[in-house]
Amino acid sequence: MRYDETMRASASAIGDRAAQYGSPDQCFYRIAKIASVMLDKEITPRDVAIMLLCTKLGRIPERPDYEDNYVDGISYLAFAAHFSEQKEPGPVAPRSPPAFKIPDTVVSDLINRDRSY
């Protein structure tokens, strides 16, 4: 695939995926929120784009002829640039709540309960 075809394919893929998954901005912000909660640290939409790019770069050595890695990689790099230029940060993912702890008495009651049902 020539470079201009790869770039056109990338632009087309963005449109196709938007039709399937909704606005790319909303999707990247949603992923950032989920990752922020799971990792207990703020993850930005730009971070998400960079990590997805890393995934594609990590796959290229196994299949250097697989065009999808290049097409998607260009898209993720474009999104990283897009999110880098935003003046207003998007919705900030909430900090995860303190870990829920089950009281020890509840745990021991569950372990030691009568199981003769």
PDB file of N, CA and C in Angstrom:
ATOM      1  N   MET A   1       0.851  -1.171   0.000  1.00  0.00           N
ATOM      2  CA  MET A   1       0.000   0.000   0.000  1.00  0.00           C
ATOM      3  C   MET A   1       0.897   1.235   0.000  1.00  0.00           C
ATOM      4  N   ARG A   2       0.615   2.146  -0.879  1.00  0.00           N
ATOM      5  CA  ARG A   2       1.383   3.392  -0.942  1.00  0.00           C
ATOM      6  C   ARG A   2       1.016   4.292   0.238  1.00  0.00           C
ATOM      7  N   TYR A   3       1.919   5.218   0.558  1.00  0.00           N
ATOM      8  CA  TYR A   3       1.694   6.085   1.724  1.00  0.00           C
ATOM      9  C   TYR A   3       0.395   6.873   1.627  1.00  0.00           C
ATOM     10  N   ASP A   4       0.060   7.371   0.442  1.00  0.00           N
ATOM     11  CA  ASP A   4      -1.179   8.145   0.312  1.00  0.00           C
ATOM     12  C   ASP A   4      -2.404   7.250   0.483  1.00  0.00           C
ATOM     13  N   GLU A   5      -2.306   5.994   0.053  1.00  0.00           N
ATOM     14  CA  GLU A   5      -3.407   5.050   0.249  1.00  0.00           C
ATOM     15  C   GLU A   5      -3.563   4.720   1.733  1.00  0.00           C
ATOM     16  N   THR A   6      -2.433   4.578   2.417  1.00  0.00           N
ATOM     17  CA  THR A   6      -2.473   4.289   3.852  1.00  0.00           C
ATOM     18  C   THR A   6      -3.130   5.436   4.605  1.00  0.00           C
ATOM     19  N   MET A   7      -2.796   6.657   4.247  1.00  0.00           N
ATOM     20  CA  MET A   7      -3.381   7.815   4.927  1.00  0.00           C
ATOM     21  C   MET A   7      -4.874   7.932   4.624  1.00  0.00           C
ATOM     22  N   ARG A   8      -5.261   7.681   3.383  1.00  0.00           N
ATOM     23  CA  ARG A   8      -6.691   7.711   3.037  1.00  0.00           C
ATOM     24  C   ARG A   8      -7.438   6.603   3.783  1.00  0.00           C
ATOM     25  N   ALA A   9      -6.828   5.434   3.868  1.00  0.00           N
ATOM     26  CA  ALA A   9      -7.449   4.320   4.587  1.00  0.00           C
ATOM     27  C   ALA A   9      -7.625   4.659   6.068  1.00  0.00           C
ATOM     28  N   SER A  10      -6.652   5.363   6.622  1.00  0.00           N
ATOM     29  CA  SER A  10      -6.748   5.780   8.020  1.00  0.00           C
ATOM     30  C   SER A  10      -7.921   6.726   8.225  1.00  0.00           C
ATOM     31  N   ALA A  11      -8.046   7.719   7.357  1.00  0.00           N
ATOM     32  CA  ALA A  11      -9.158   8.674   7.452  1.00  0.00           C
ATOM     33  C   ALA A  11     -10.496   7.949   7.288  1.00  0.00           C
ATOM     34  N   SER A  12     -10.552   7.009   6.376  1.00  0.00           N
ATOM     35  CA  SER A  12     -11.777   6.247   6.151  1.00  0.00           C
ATOM     36  C   SER A  12     -12.117   5.390   7.371  1.00  0.00           C
ATOM     37  N   ALA A  13     -11.106   4.778   7.969  1.00  0.00           N
ATOM     38  CA  ALA A  13     -11.320   3.928   9.146  1.00  0.00           C
ATOM     39  C   ALA A  13     -11.887   4.740  10.304  1.00  0.00           C
ATOM     40  N   ILE A  14     -11.419   5.973  10.459  1.00  0.00           N
ATOM     41  CA  ILE A  14     -11.937   6.824  11.534  1.00  0.00           C
ATOM     42  C   ILE A  14     -13.434   7.035  11.333  1.00  0.00           C
ATOM     43  N   GLY A  15     -13.843   7.318  10.106  1.00  0.00           N
ATOM     44  CA  GLY A  15     -15.263   7.493   9.814  1.00  0.00           C
ATOM     45  C   GLY A  15     -16.064   6.227  10.032  1.00  0.00           C
ATOM     46  N   ASP A  16     -15.514   5.093   9.593  1.00  0.00           N
ATOM     47  CA  ASP A  16     -16.198   3.808   9.770  1.00  0.00           C
ATOM     48  C   ASP A  16     -16.388   3.488  11.243  1.00  0.00           C
ATOM     49  N   ARG A  17     -15.351   3.698  12.027  1.00  0.00           N
ATOM     50  CA  ARG A  17     -15.426   3.374  13.453  1.00  0.00           C
ATOM     51  C   ARG A  17     -16.361   4.332  14.187  1.00  0.00           C
ATOM     52  N   ALA A  18     -16.400   5.586  13.754  1.00  0.00           N
ATOM     53  CA  ALA A  18     -17.319   6.546  14.368  1.00  0.00           C
ATOM     54  C   ALA A  18     -18.761   6.088  14.144  1.00  0.00           C
ATOM     55  N   ALA A  19     -19.032   5.529  12.966  1.00  0.00           N
ATOM     56  CA  ALA A  19     -20.372   5.029  12.680  1.00  0.00           C
ATOM     57  C   ALA A  19     -20.719   3.840  13.580  1.00  0.00           C
ATOM     58  N   GLN A  20     -19.716   3.039  13.918  1.00  0.00           N
ATOM     59  CA  GLN A  20     -19.939   1.859  14.763  1.00  0.00           C
ATOM     60  C   GLN A  20     -19.976   2.189  16.246  1.00  0.00           C
ATOM     61  N   TYR A  21     -19.037   3.055  16.701  1.00  0.00           N
ATOM     62  CA  TYR A  21     -18.824   3.246  18.136  1.00  0.00           C
ATOM     63  C   TYR A  21     -19.182   4.636  18.644  1.00  0.00           C
ATOM     64  N   GLY A  22     -19.551   5.554  17.767  1.00  0.00           N
ATOM     65  CA  GLY A  22     -19.862   6.912  18.193  1.00  0.00           C
ATOM     66  C   GLY A  22     -18.657   7.823  18.058  1.00  0.00           C
ATOM     67  N   SER A  23     -18.807   9.011  18.568  1.00  0.00           N
ATOM     68  CA  SER A  23     -17.778  10.045  18.475  1.00  0.00           C
ATOM     69  C   SER A  23     -16.436   9.554  19.011  1.00  0.00           C
ATOM     70  N   PRO A  24     -15.356   9.737  18.237  1.00  0.00           N
ATOM     71  CA  PRO A  24     -14.041   9.346  18.745  1.00  0.00           C
ATOM     72  C   PRO A  24     -13.687  10.072  20.052  1.00  0.00           C
ATOM     73  N   ASP A  25     -14.048  11.361  20.142  1.00  0.00           N
ATOM     74  CA  ASP A  25     -13.754  12.092  21.375  1.00  0.00           C
ATOM     75  C   ASP A  25     -14.425  11.427  22.570  1.00  0.00           C
ATOM     76  N   GLN A  26     -15.707  11.126  22.436  1.00  0.00           N
ATOM     77  CA  GLN A  26     -16.423  10.485  23.537  1.00  0.00           C
ATOM     78  C   GLN A  26     -15.824   9.124  23.865  1.00  0.00           C
ATOM     79  N   CYS A  27     -15.452   8.384  22.848  1.00  0.00           N
ATOM     80  CA  CYS A  27     -14.884   7.050  23.061  1.00  0.00           C
ATOM     81  C   CYS A  27     -13.550   7.131  23.809  1.00  0.00           C
ATOM     82  N   PHE A  28     -12.673   8.043  23.376  1.00  0.00           N
ATOM     83  CA  PHE A  28     -11.375   8.172  24.045  1.00  0.00           C
ATOM     84  C   PHE A  28     -11.541   8.667  25.477  1.00  0.00           C
ATOM     85  N   TYR A  29     -12.478   9.599  25.710  1.00  0.00           N
ATOM     86  CA  TYR A  29     -12.725  10.060  27.082  1.00  0.00           C
ATOM     87  C   TYR A  29     -13.283   8.933  27.936  1.00  0.00           C
ATOM     88  N   ARG A  30     -14.176   8.131  27.367  1.00  0.00           N
ATOM     89  CA  ARG A  30     -14.747   7.009  28.109  1.00  0.00           C
ATOM     90  C   ARG A  30     -13.655   6.007  28.488  1.00  0.00           C
ATOM     91  N   ILE A  31     -12.798   5.683  27.524  1.00  0.00           N
ATOM     92  CA  ILE A  31     -11.701   4.747  27.804  1.00  0.00           C
ATOM     93  C   ILE A  31     -10.783   5.322  28.879  1.00  0.00           C
ATOM     94  N   ALA A  32     -10.499   6.623  28.801  1.00  0.00           N
ATOM     95  CA  ALA A  32      -9.637   7.268  29.796  1.00  0.00           C
ATOM     96  C   ALA A  32     -10.251   7.181  31.189  1.00  0.00           C
ATOM     97  N   LYS A  33     -11.563   7.376  31.290  1.00  0.00           N
ATOM     98  CA  LYS A  33     -12.234   7.279  32.596  1.00  0.00           C
ATOM     99  C   LYS A  33     -12.108   5.867  33.162  1.00  0.00           C
ATOM    100  N   ILE A  34     -12.388   4.890  32.327  1.00  0.00           N
ATOM    101  CA  ILE A  34     -12.319   3.495  32.772  1.00  0.00           C
ATOM    102  C   ILE A  34     -10.899   3.156  33.215  1.00  0.00           C
ATOM    103  N   ALA A  35      -9.908   3.516  32.401  1.00  0.00           N
ATOM    104  CA  ALA A  35      -8.513   3.225  32.738  1.00  0.00           C
ATOM    105  C   ALA A  35      -8.094   3.954  34.011  1.00  0.00           C
ATOM    106  N   SER A  36      -8.572   5.179  34.196  1.00  0.00           N
ATOM    107  CA  SER A  36      -8.229   5.949  35.400  1.00  0.00           C
ATOM    108  C   SER A  36      -8.721   5.242  36.656  1.00  0.00           C
ATOM    109  N   VAL A  37      -9.929   4.723  36.595  1.00  0.00           N
ATOM    110  CA  VAL A  37     -10.477   4.016  37.749  1.00  0.00           C
ATOM    111  C   VAL A  37      -9.711   2.718  37.981  1.00  0.00           C
ATOM    112  N   MET A  38      -9.455   1.991  36.907  1.00  0.00           N
ATOM    113  CA  MET A  38      -8.779   0.694  37.054  1.00  0.00           C
ATOM    114  C   MET A  38      -7.345   0.839  37.558  1.00  0.00           C
ATOM    115  N   LEU A  39      -6.655   1.893  37.104  1.00  0.00           N
ATOM    116  CA  LEU A  39      -5.248   2.074  37.463  1.00  0.00           C
ATOM    117  C   LEU A  39      -5.050   2.995  38.666  1.00  0.00           C
ATOM    118  N   ASP A  40      -6.134   3.596  39.135  1.00  0.00           N
ATOM    119  CA  ASP A  40      -6.102   4.524  40.266  1.00  0.00           C
ATOM    120  C   ASP A  40      -5.129   5.678  40.028  1.00  0.00           C
ATOM    121  N   LYS A  41      -5.128   6.174  38.788  1.00  0.00           N
ATOM    122  CA  LYS A  41      -4.355   7.363  38.435  1.00  0.00           C
ATOM    123  C   LYS A  41      -5.007   7.974  37.209  1.00  0.00           C
ATOM    124  N   GLU A  42      -4.821   9.267  37.040  1.00  0.00           N
ATOM    125  CA  GLU A  42      -5.471   9.925  35.917  1.00  0.00           C
ATOM    126  C   GLU A  42      -4.841   9.513  34.595  1.00  0.00           C
ATOM    127  N   ILE A  43      -5.681   9.049  33.704  1.00  0.00           N
ATOM    128  CA  ILE A  43      -5.289   8.705  32.339  1.00  0.00           C
ATOM    129  C   ILE A  43      -6.060   9.652  31.428  1.00  0.00           C
ATOM    130  N   THR A  44      -5.367  10.274  30.505  1.00  0.00           N
ATOM    131  CA  THR A  44      -6.001  11.225  29.605  1.00  0.00           C
ATOM    132  C   THR A  44      -6.339  10.549  28.276  1.00  0.00           C
ATOM    133  N   PRO A  45      -7.212  11.165  27.503  1.00  0.00           N
ATOM    134  CA  PRO A  45      -7.475  10.622  26.166  1.00  0.00           C
ATOM    135  C   PRO A  45      -6.200  10.535  25.321  1.00  0.00           C
ATOM    136  N   ARG A  46      -5.279  11.496  25.495  1.00  0.00           N
ATOM    137  CA  ARG A  46      -4.001  11.429  24.780  1.00  0.00           C
ATOM    138  C   ARG A  46      -3.219  10.189  25.200  1.00  0.00           C
ATOM    139  N   ASP A  47      -3.206   9.886  26.497  1.00  0.00           N
ATOM    140  CA  ASP A  47      -2.535   8.673  26.984  1.00  0.00           C
ATOM    141  C   ASP A  47      -3.128   7.431  26.326  1.00  0.00           C
ATOM    142  N   VAL A  48      -4.452   7.418  26.203  1.00  0.00           N
ATOM    143  CA  VAL A  48      -5.129   6.274  25.571  1.00  0.00           C
ATOM    144  C   VAL A  48      -4.651   6.121  24.130  1.00  0.00           C
ATOM    145  N   ALA A  49      -4.616   7.237  23.396  1.00  0.00           N
ATOM    146  CA  ALA A  49      -4.175   7.182  21.997  1.00  0.00           C
ATOM    147  C   ALA A  49      -2.734   6.679  21.888  1.00  0.00           C
ATOM    148  N   ILE A  50      -1.864   7.146  22.778  1.00  0.00           N
ATOM    149  CA  ILE A  50      -0.454   6.714  22.752  1.00  0.00           C
ATOM    150  C   ILE A  50      -0.347   5.222  23.056  1.00  0.00           C
ATOM    151  N   MET A  51      -1.115   4.733  24.025  1.00  0.00           N
ATOM    152  CA  MET A  51      -1.056   3.303  24.358  1.00  0.00           C
ATOM    153  C   MET A  51      -1.589   2.433  23.213  1.00  0.00           C
ATOM    154  N   LEU A  52      -2.645   2.903  22.556  1.00  0.00           N
ATOM    155  CA  LEU A  52      -3.149   2.153  21.409  1.00  0.00           C
ATOM    156  C   LEU A  52      -2.130   2.155  20.269  1.00  0.00           C
ATOM    157  N   LEU A  53      -1.435   3.276  20.086  1.00  0.00           N
ATOM    158  CA  LEU A  53      -0.355   3.332  19.095  1.00  0.00           C
ATOM    159  C   LEU A  53       0.742   2.330  19.468  1.00  0.00           C
ATOM    160  N   CYS A  54       1.076   2.273  20.751  1.00  0.00           N
ATOM    161  CA  CYS A  54       2.101   1.316  21.198  1.00  0.00           C
ATOM    162  C   CYS A  54       1.697  -0.127  20.877  1.00  0.00           C
ATOM    163  N   THR A  55       0.402  -0.408  21.006  1.00  0.00           N
ATOM    164  CA  THR A  55      -0.085  -1.748  20.671  1.00  0.00           C
ATOM    165  C   THR A  55       0.196  -2.064  19.206  1.00  0.00           C
ATOM    166  N   LYS A  56      -0.117  -1.120  18.342  1.00  0.00           N
ATOM    167  CA  LYS A  56       0.120  -1.341  16.911  1.00  0.00           C
ATOM    168  C   LYS A  56       1.613  -1.454  16.615  1.00  0.00           C
ATOM    169  N   LEU A  57       2.419  -0.596  17.235  1.00  0.00           N
ATOM    170  CA  LEU A  57       3.877  -0.668  17.013  1.00  0.00           C
ATOM    171  C   LEU A  57       4.445  -1.994  17.508  1.00  0.00           C
ATOM    172  N   GLY A  58       3.893  -2.497  18.594  1.00  0.00           N
ATOM    173  CA  GLY A  58       4.345  -3.781  19.128  1.00  0.00           C
ATOM    174  C   GLY A  58       3.979  -4.959  18.244  1.00  0.00           C
ATOM    175  N   ARG A  59       2.951  -4.806  17.435  1.00  0.00           N
ATOM    176  CA  ARG A  59       2.512  -5.887  16.550  1.00  0.00           C
ATOM    177  C   ARG A  59       3.257  -5.912  15.220  1.00  0.00           C
ATOM    178  N   ILE A  60       3.777  -4.788  14.801  1.00  0.00           N
ATOM    179  CA  ILE A  60       4.419  -4.692  13.484  1.00  0.00           C
ATOM    180  C   ILE A  60       5.563  -5.692  13.292  1.00  0.00           C
ATOM    181  N   PRO A  61       6.436  -5.915  14.273  1.00  0.00           N
ATOM    182  CA  PRO A  61       7.521  -6.882  14.041  1.00  0.00           C
ATOM    183  C   PRO A  61       7.027  -8.296  13.707  1.00  0.00           C
ATOM    184  N   GLU A  62       5.862  -8.675  14.231  1.00  0.00           N
ATOM    185  CA  GLU A  62       5.328 -10.017  13.935  1.00  0.00           C
ATOM    186  C   GLU A  62       4.721 -10.102  12.543  1.00  0.00           C
ATOM    187  N   ARG A  63       4.106  -9.015  12.109  1.00  0.00           N
ATOM    188  CA  ARG A  63       3.433  -9.011  10.801  1.00  0.00           C
ATOM    189  C   ARG A  63       3.721  -7.684  10.095  1.00  0.00           C
ATOM    190  N   PRO A  64       4.953  -7.491   9.612  1.00  0.00           N
ATOM    191  CA  PRO A  64       5.292  -6.208   8.990  1.00  0.00           C
ATOM    192  C   PRO A  64       4.495  -5.907   7.717  1.00  0.00           C
ATOM    193  N   ASP A  65       3.858  -6.903   7.145  1.00  0.00           N
ATOM    194  CA  ASP A  65       3.084  -6.689   5.919  1.00  0.00           C
ATOM    195  C   ASP A  65       1.592  -6.465   6.195  1.00  0.00           C
ATOM    196  N   TYR A  66       1.187  -6.485   7.441  1.00  0.00           N
ATOM    197  CA  TYR A  66      -0.226  -6.340   7.789  1.00  0.00           C
ATOM    198  C   TYR A  66      -0.581  -4.857   7.851  1.00  0.00           C
ATOM    199  N   GLU A  67      -1.317  -4.394   6.841  1.00  0.00           N
ATOM    200  CA  GLU A  67      -1.590  -2.966   6.653  1.00  0.00           C
ATOM    201  C   GLU A  67      -2.394  -2.345   7.790  1.00  0.00           C
ATOM    202  N   ASP A  68      -3.245  -3.107   8.441  1.00  0.00           N
ATOM    203  CA  ASP A  68      -4.092  -2.585   9.508  1.00  0.00           C
ATOM    204  C   ASP A  68      -3.266  -1.926  10.618  1.00  0.00           C
ATOM    205  N   ASN A  69      -2.104  -2.495  10.924  1.00  0.00           N
ATOM    206  CA  ASN A  69      -1.257  -1.910  11.972  1.00  0.00           C
ATOM    207  C   ASN A  69      -0.819  -0.493  11.612  1.00  0.00           C
ATOM    208  N   TYR A  70      -0.507  -0.268  10.364  1.00  0.00           N
ATOM    209  CA  TYR A  70      -0.072   1.058   9.923  1.00  0.00           C
ATOM    210  C   TYR A  70      -1.254   2.029   9.834  1.00  0.00           C
ATOM    211  N   VAL A  71      -2.364   1.531   9.285  1.00  0.00           N
ATOM    212  CA  VAL A  71      -3.559   2.370   9.139  1.00  0.00           C
ATOM    213  C   VAL A  71      -4.031   2.837  10.518  1.00  0.00           C
ATOM    214  N   ASP A  72      -4.200   1.908  11.437  1.00  0.00           N
ATOM    215  CA  ASP A  72      -4.651   2.274  12.779  1.00  0.00           C
ATOM    216  C   ASP A  72      -3.604   3.087  13.526  1.00  0.00           C
ATOM    217  N   GLY A  73      -2.319   2.770  13.326  1.00  0.00           N
ATOM    218  CA  GLY A  73      -1.257   3.529  13.986  1.00  0.00           C
ATOM    219  C   GLY A  73      -1.289   5.004  13.611  1.00  0.00           C
ATOM    220  N   ILE A  74      -1.519   5.276  12.329  1.00  0.00           N
ATOM    221  CA  ILE A  74      -1.632   6.670  11.878  1.00  0.00           C
ATOM    222  C   ILE A  74      -2.822   7.340  12.567  1.00  0.00           C
ATOM    223  N   SER A  75      -3.929   6.631  12.659  1.00  0.00           N
ATOM    224  CA  SER A  75      -5.121   7.188  13.306  1.00  0.00           C
ATOM    225  C   SER A  75      -4.841   7.514  14.769  1.00  0.00           C
ATOM    226  N   TYR A  76      -4.211   6.581  15.484  1.00  0.00           N
ATOM    227  CA  TYR A  76      -3.938   6.815  16.903  1.00  0.00           C
ATOM    228  C   TYR A  76      -2.973   7.982  17.103  1.00  0.00           C
ATOM    229  N   LEU A  77      -2.002   8.114  16.220  1.00  0.00           N
ATOM    230  CA  LEU A  77      -1.078   9.239  16.311  1.00  0.00           C
ATOM    231  C   LEU A  77      -1.811  10.556  16.053  1.00  0.00           C
ATOM    232  N   ALA A  78      -2.731  10.544  15.112  1.00  0.00           N
ATOM    233  CA  ALA A  78      -3.532  11.749  14.836  1.00  0.00           C
ATOM    234  C   ALA A  78      -4.392  12.105  16.050  1.00  0.00           C
ATOM    235  N   PHE A  79      -4.977  11.110  16.701  1.00  0.00           N
ATOM    236  CA  PHE A  79      -5.774  11.388  17.893  1.00  0.00           C
ATOM    237  C   PHE A  79      -4.894  11.910  19.034  1.00  0.00           C
ATOM    238  N   ALA A  80      -3.701  11.376  19.179  1.00  0.00           N
ATOM    239  CA  ALA A  80      -2.793  11.879  20.213  1.00  0.00           C
ATOM    240  C   ALA A  80      -2.503  13.357  19.973  1.00  0.00           C
ATOM    241  N   ALA A  81      -2.265  13.726  18.723  1.00  0.00           N
ATOM    242  CA  ALA A  81      -2.026  15.135  18.392  1.00  0.00           C
ATOM    243  C   ALA A  81      -3.269  15.970  18.677  1.00  0.00           C
ATOM    244  N   HIS A  82      -4.422  15.452  18.308  1.00  0.00           N
ATOM    245  CA  HIS A  82      -5.696  16.148  18.548  1.00  0.00           C
ATOM    246  C   HIS A  82      -5.881  16.441  20.035  1.00  0.00           C
ATOM    247  N   PHE A  83      -5.687  15.440  20.874  1.00  0.00           N
ATOM    248  CA  PHE A  83      -5.906  15.625  22.305  1.00  0.00           C
ATOM    249  C   PHE A  83      -4.802  16.466  22.944  1.00  0.00           C
ATOM    250  N   SER A  84      -3.625  16.508  22.337  1.00  0.00           N
ATOM    251  CA  SER A  84      -2.537  17.345  22.852  1.00  0.00           C
ATOM    252  C   SER A  84      -2.826  18.822  22.661  1.00  0.00           C
ATOM    253  N   GLU A  85      -3.582  19.153  21.625  1.00  0.00           N
ATOM    254  CA  GLU A  85      -3.839  20.553  21.288  1.00  0.00           C
ATOM    255  C   GLU A  85      -5.067  21.123  21.957  1.00  0.00           C
ATOM    256  N   GLN A  86      -5.827  20.310  22.638  1.00  0.00           N
ATOM    257  CA  GLN A  86      -7.040  20.827  23.258  1.00  0.00           C
ATOM    258  C   GLN A  86      -6.700  21.789  24.373  1.00  0.00           C
ATOM    259  N   LYS A  87      -7.323  22.951  24.304  1.00  0.00           N
ATOM    260  CA  LYS A  87      -7.091  23.972  25.334  1.00  0.00           C
ATOM    261  C   LYS A  87      -7.808  23.600  26.624  1.00  0.00           C
ATOM    262  N   GLU A  88      -9.028  23.183  26.486  1.00  0.00           N
ATOM    263  CA  GLU A  88      -9.813  22.793  27.655  1.00  0.00           C
ATOM    264  C   GLU A  88      -9.677  21.298  27.844  1.00  0.00           C
ATOM    265  N   PRO A  89      -9.274  20.879  29.017  1.00  0.00           N
ATOM    266  CA  PRO A  89      -9.234  19.436  29.218  1.00  0.00           C
ATOM    267  C   PRO A  89     -10.643  18.874  29.199  1.00  0.00           C
ATOM    268  N   GLY A  90     -10.754  17.670  28.765  1.00  0.00           N
ATOM    269  CA  GLY A  90     -12.053  17.021  28.736  1.00  0.00           C
ATOM    270  C   GLY A  90     -12.479  16.666  30.141  1.00  0.00           C
ATOM    271  N   PRO A  91     -13.564  15.950  30.241  1.00  0.00           N
ATOM    272  CA  PRO A  91     -14.025  15.546  31.562  1.00  0.00           C
ATOM    273  C   PRO A  91     -12.940  14.735  32.262  1.00  0.00           C
ATOM    274  N   VAL A  92     -12.655  15.110  33.474  1.00  0.00           N
ATOM    275  CA  VAL A  92     -11.614  14.412  34.227  1.00  0.00           C
ATOM    276  C   VAL A  92     -12.236  13.193  34.886  1.00  0.00           C
ATOM    277  N   ALA A  93     -11.551  12.104  34.763  1.00  0.00           N
ATOM    278  CA  ALA A  93     -12.041  10.876  35.371  1.00  0.00           C
ATOM    279  C   ALA A  93     -12.006  11.017  36.886  1.00  0.00           C
ATOM    280  N   PRO A  94     -13.042  10.564  37.540  1.00  0.00           N
ATOM    281  CA  PRO A  94     -13.051  10.670  38.997  1.00  0.00           C
ATOM    282  C   PRO A  94     -12.004   9.756  39.605  1.00  0.00           C
ATOM    283  N   ARG A  95     -11.496  10.180  40.720  1.00  0.00           N
ATOM    284  CA  ARG A  95     -10.575   9.313  41.455  1.00  0.00           C
ATOM    285  C   ARG A  95     -11.371   8.125  41.948  1.00  0.00           C
ATOM    286  N   SER A  96     -10.742   7.000  42.010  1.00  0.00           N
ATOM    287  CA  SER A  96     -11.483   5.838  42.461  1.00  0.00           C
ATOM    288  C   SER A  96     -11.780   5.987  43.958  1.00  0.00           C
ATOM    289  N   PRO A  97     -12.922   5.486  44.371  1.00  0.00           N
ATOM    290  CA  PRO A  97     -13.270   5.590  45.788  1.00  0.00           C
ATOM    291  C   PRO A  97     -12.350   4.708  46.608  1.00  0.00           C
ATOM    292  N   PRO A  98     -12.288   4.974  47.900  1.00  0.00           N
ATOM    293  CA  PRO A  98     -11.462   4.100  48.739  1.00  0.00           C
ATOM    294  C   PRO A  98     -11.956   2.664  48.603  1.00  0.00           C
ATOM    295  N   ALA A  99     -11.044   1.753  48.706  1.00  0.00           N
ATOM    296  CA  ALA A  99     -11.387   0.343  48.569  1.00  0.00           C
ATOM    297  C   ALA A  99     -12.437  -0.043  49.609  1.00  0.00           C
ATOM    298  N   PHE A 100     -13.408  -0.797  49.165  1.00  0.00           N
ATOM    299  CA  PHE A 100     -14.454  -1.267  50.062  1.00  0.00           C
ATOM    300  C   PHE A 100     -13.894  -2.432  50.845  1.00  0.00           C
ATOM    301  N   LYS A 101     -14.049  -2.371  52.147  1.00  0.00           N
ATOM    302  CA  LYS A 101     -13.534  -3.446  52.990  1.00  0.00           C
ATOM    303  C   LYS A 101     -14.699  -4.094  53.715  1.00  0.00           C
ATOM    304  N   ILE A 102     -14.793  -5.387  53.572  1.00  0.00           N
ATOM    305  CA  ILE A 102     -15.816  -6.138  54.293  1.00  0.00           C
ATOM    306  C   ILE A 102     -15.318  -6.327  55.717  1.00  0.00           C
ATOM    307  N   PRO A 103     -16.136  -5.985  56.706  1.00  0.00           N
ATOM    308  CA  PRO A 103     -15.701  -6.158  58.103  1.00  0.00           C
ATOM    309  C   PRO A 103     -15.308  -7.607  58.376  1.00  0.00           C
ATOM    310  N   ASP A 104     -14.276  -7.778  59.173  1.00  0.00           N
ATOM    311  CA  ASP A 104     -13.773  -9.117  59.490  1.00  0.00           C
ATOM    312  C   ASP A 104     -14.845 -10.023  60.076  1.00  0.00           C
ATOM    313  N   THR A 105     -15.753  -9.445  60.851  1.00  0.00           N
ATOM    314  CA  THR A 105     -16.804 -10.276  61.455  1.00  0.00           C
ATOM    315  C   THR A 105     -17.709 -10.875  60.383  1.00  0.00           C
ATOM    316  N   VAL A 106     -17.967 -10.148  59.339  1.00  0.00           N
ATOM    317  CA  VAL A 106     -18.809 -10.669  58.257  1.00  0.00           C
ATOM    318  C   VAL A 106     -18.088 -11.809  57.551  1.00  0.00           C
ATOM    319  N   VAL A 107     -16.801 -11.631  57.312  1.00  0.00           N
ATOM    320  CA  VAL A 107     -16.015 -12.681  56.655  1.00  0.00           C
ATOM    321  C   VAL A 107     -16.000 -13.935  57.511  1.00  0.00           C
ATOM    322  N   SER A 108     -15.721 -13.792  58.812  1.00  0.00           N
ATOM    323  CA  SER A 108     -15.662 -14.981  59.677  1.00  0.00           C
ATOM    324  C   SER A 108     -17.030 -15.634  59.788  1.00  0.00           C
ATOM    325  N   ASP A 109     -18.110 -14.832  59.835  1.00  0.00           N
ATOM    326  CA  ASP A 109     -19.459 -15.411  59.872  1.00  0.00           C
ATOM    327  C   ASP A 109     -19.745 -16.221  58.617  1.00  0.00           C
ATOM    328  N   LEU A 110     -19.311 -15.724  57.476  1.00  0.00           N
ATOM    329  CA  LEU A 110     -19.529 -16.450  56.230  1.00  0.00           C
ATOM    330  C   LEU A 110     -18.741 -17.757  56.197  1.00  0.00           C
ATOM    331  N   ILE A 111     -17.520 -17.711  56.696  1.00  0.00           N
ATOM    332  CA  ILE A 111     -16.670 -18.906  56.685  1.00  0.00           C
ATOM    333  C   ILE A 111     -17.196 -19.948  57.657  1.00  0.00           C
ATOM    334  N   ASN A 112     -17.654 -19.494  58.803  1.00  0.00           N
ATOM    335  CA  ASN A 112     -18.012 -20.411  59.863  1.00  0.00           C
ATOM    336  C   ASN A 112     -19.512 -20.706  59.957  1.00  0.00           C
ATOM    337  N   ARG A 113     -20.288 -20.232  59.014  1.00  0.00           N
ATOM    338  CA  ARG A 113     -21.739 -20.409  59.139  1.00  0.00           C
ATOM    339  C   ARG A 113     -22.134 -21.870  58.991  1.00  0.00           C
ATOM    340  N   ASP A 114     -23.265 -22.151  59.509  1.00  0.00           N
ATOM    341  CA  ASP A 114     -23.821 -23.509  59.457  1.00  0.00           C
ATOM    342  C   ASP A 114     -24.210 -23.820  58.018  1.00  0.00           C
ATOM    343  N   ARG A 115     -23.698 -24.863  57.489  1.00  0.00           N
ATOM    344  CA  ARG A 115     -23.988 -25.240  56.092  1.00  0.00           C
ATOM    345  C   ARG A 115     -24.843 -26.505  56.026  1.00  0.00           C
ATOM    346  N   SER A 116     -25.689 -26.652  56.972  1.00  0.00           N
ATOM    347  CA  SER A 116     -26.514 -27.870  56.992  1.00  0.00           C
ATOM    348  C   SER A 116     -27.857 -27.646  56.329  1.00  0.00           C
ATOM    349  N   TYR A 117     -27.879 -26.869  55.281  1.00  0.00           N
ATOM    350  CA  TYR A 117     -29.142 -26.614  54.595  1.00  0.00           C
ATOM    351  C   TYR A 117     -29.441 -27.645  53.570  1.00  0.00           C
TER     352      TYR A 117
END
